Amino acid sequence: MGLKAKTSRILINGVEKEVPVEEVTVSDIVIVRPGEKIPVDRVVVESSSAVDESMLTGESISVEKSPGSTVIGATLNKTGSFGFRATKVGANTALAQIIRLVETAQTTKAPIQRVADVFAGNFIVTVHITALLAFFF
């Protein structure tokens, strides 16, 4: 969750304006400079650069992105400045979906774990009853 970018630089009538990431809408042109985090998922429309996607893929080598390539939010722009057309914002980004999946996985039990819990509860009751019967016998 700490990987998300806080602000984004969008192009409005030929002028760059820095806004919070929450204000970026689909089809906005976003400008990313070298060393900045990419704020939302998008398609490259101008220029090219190398992008470090290791936070998602684990690959240590930067991936070259050119016009038409898709870029995932929260990755790091390495070399050049380029413009993107936002395609997914807010809860629809890849990082937001990963966060949602991890939170769901942490709050729910696996089906086999539920079965094991029921079995363990019944087993303990059976052991106590058997112990009481053996004591009284």
Protein backbone atom coordinates (compact mmCIF):
# COMPACT_ATOMS: atom_id res chain seq x y z
CA MET A 1 0.00 0.00 0.00
CA GLY A 2 2.98 2.26 0.56
CA LEU A 3 4.05 1.74 -3.05
CA LYS A 4 1.28 3.94 -4.46
CA ALA A 5 2.17 7.36 -5.85
CA LYS A 6 0.63 10.29 -3.98
CA THR A 7 0.44 12.85 -6.80
CA SER A 8 0.22 12.82 -10.57
CA ARG A 9 1.14 15.32 -13.26
CA ILE A 10 -1.64 15.59 -15.87
CA LEU A 11 -1.70 17.58 -19.09
CA ILE A 12 -4.61 20.04 -19.27
CA ASN A 13 -4.83 22.22 -22.41
CA GLY A 14 -1.09 21.84 -22.99
CA VAL A 15 -0.18 22.79 -19.39
CA GLU A 16 1.16 20.32 -16.83
CA LYS A 17 -0.74 20.39 -13.54
CA GLU A 18 0.14 18.37 -10.43
CA VAL A 19 -2.93 16.83 -8.78
CA PRO A 20 -3.60 14.08 -6.22
CA VAL A 21 -3.81 10.62 -7.79
CA GLU A 22 -7.48 10.35 -6.76
CA GLU A 23 -8.36 13.19 -9.18
CA VAL A 24 -6.96 11.45 -12.26
CA THR A 25 -9.73 10.19 -14.55
CA VAL A 26 -9.73 7.65 -17.35
CA SER A 27 -8.31 9.06 -20.61
CA ASP A 28 -6.32 11.85 -18.89
CA ILE A 29 -2.83 12.34 -20.33
CA VAL A 30 -0.35 11.85 -17.49
CA ILE A 31 3.28 12.96 -17.71
CA VAL A 32 5.93 10.99 -15.79
CA ARG A 33 9.51 12.18 -15.41
CA PRO A 34 12.60 10.04 -14.72
CA GLY A 35 12.73 8.66 -11.17
CA GLU A 36 9.01 9.14 -10.50
CA LYS A 37 6.48 6.46 -9.64
CA ILE A 38 3.81 5.81 -12.23
CA PRO A 39 0.52 6.75 -10.51
CA VAL A 40 -2.11 4.76 -12.47
CA ASP A 41 -2.34 1.99 -15.08
CA ARG A 42 -2.15 3.32 -18.60
CA VAL A 43 -1.02 3.08 -22.24
CA VAL A 44 2.05 4.98 -23.45
CA VAL A 45 1.13 7.60 -26.07
CA GLU A 46 4.34 9.59 -26.51
CA SER A 47 8.08 9.03 -26.09
CA SER A 48 9.66 5.95 -24.51
CA SER A 49 11.51 4.94 -21.36
CA ALA A 50 12.67 2.02 -19.25
CA VAL A 51 10.37 1.08 -16.38
CA ASP A 52 11.33 -0.90 -13.27
CA GLU A 53 8.49 -3.38 -12.73
CA SER A 54 10.32 -5.43 -10.08
CA MET A 55 7.74 -4.63 -7.40
CA LEU A 56 5.16 -6.64 -9.40
CA THR A 57 7.17 -9.14 -11.42
CA GLY A 58 10.33 -9.61 -9.37
CA GLU A 59 12.38 -9.08 -12.54
CA SER A 60 15.43 -6.95 -11.76
CA ILE A 61 15.94 -5.75 -15.34
CA SER A 62 13.99 -2.67 -16.44
CA VAL A 63 11.48 -3.12 -19.27
CA GLU A 64 11.58 -0.79 -22.27
CA LYS A 65 8.23 0.90 -22.90
CA SER A 66 7.30 2.64 -26.15
CA PRO A 67 4.06 4.05 -27.59
CA GLY A 68 1.30 1.45 -27.38
CA SER A 69 2.86 -0.39 -24.41
CA THR A 70 0.90 -0.80 -21.21
CA VAL A 71 2.37 0.41 -17.93
CA ILE A 72 1.26 -0.63 -14.46
CA GLY A 73 0.75 1.89 -11.67
CA ALA A 74 3.24 2.07 -8.75
CA THR A 75 6.15 0.97 -10.96
CA LEU A 76 9.18 3.24 -11.29
CA ASN A 77 10.13 5.23 -14.40
CA LYS A 78 13.89 4.95 -14.89
CA THR A 79 15.27 6.84 -17.87
CA GLY A 80 13.06 9.15 -19.91
CA SER A 81 10.04 11.38 -19.56
CA PHE A 82 6.90 10.22 -21.33
CA GLY A 83 3.15 10.68 -21.57
CA PHE A 84 0.41 8.13 -20.94
CA ARG A 85 -3.31 7.89 -21.40
CA ALA A 86 -4.82 6.65 -18.13
CA THR A 87 -6.82 3.44 -18.61
CA LYS A 88 -7.42 2.28 -15.03
CA VAL A 89 -7.65 4.53 -11.99
CA GLY A 90 -8.53 4.14 -8.32
CA ALA A 91 -9.77 0.70 -7.30
CA ASN A 92 -9.36 -0.67 -10.85
CA THR A 93 -5.55 -0.48 -10.94
CA ALA A 94 -3.45 -3.65 -10.74
CA LEU A 95 -1.94 -2.60 -7.38
CA ALA A 96 -5.39 -1.93 -5.87
CA GLN A 97 -6.56 -5.37 -7.01
CA ILE A 98 -3.48 -7.02 -5.47
CA ILE A 99 -4.10 -5.18 -2.19
CA ARG A 100 -7.75 -6.27 -2.22
CA LEU A 101 -6.79 -9.92 -2.87
CA VAL A 102 -4.23 -9.95 -0.05
CA GLU A 103 -6.72 -8.41 2.40
CA THR A 104 -9.34 -11.01 1.41
CA ALA A 105 -6.83 -13.84 1.80
CA GLN A 106 -5.86 -12.62 5.26
CA THR A 107 -9.44 -12.34 6.53
CA THR A 108 -10.90 -15.62 5.22
CA LYS A 109 -10.12 -19.22 6.12
CA ALA A 110 -9.29 -21.87 3.58
CA PRO A 111 -11.99 -24.58 3.25
CA ILE A 112 -9.65 -27.28 4.58
CA GLN A 113 -8.90 -25.12 7.61
CA ARG A 114 -12.61 -25.01 8.45
CA VAL A 115 -12.80 -28.80 8.23
CA ALA A 116 -9.74 -29.14 10.47
CA ASP A 117 -11.28 -26.76 13.04
CA VAL A 118 -14.51 -28.81 13.21
CA PHE A 119 -12.56 -32.06 13.49
CA ALA A 120 -10.32 -30.67 16.24
CA GLY A 121 -13.34 -29.42 18.22
CA ASN A 122 -15.07 -32.81 18.01
CA PHE A 123 -11.85 -34.66 18.81
CA ILE A 124 -11.30 -32.67 22.01
CA VAL A 125 -14.87 -33.38 23.20
CA THR A 126 -14.39 -37.10 22.47
CA VAL A 127 -11.09 -37.19 24.39
CA HIS A 128 -12.66 -35.48 27.43
CA ILE A 129 -15.66 -37.86 27.49
CA THR A 130 -13.35 -40.88 27.15
CA ALA A 131 -11.13 -39.57 29.96
CA LEU A 132 -14.17 -39.05 32.26
CA LEU A 133 -15.49 -42.55 31.51
CA ALA A 134 -12.06 -44.07 32.21
CA PHE A 135 -11.82 -42.13 35.47
CA PHE A 136 -15.23 -43.28 36.72
CA PHE A 137 -14.69 -46.91 35.59
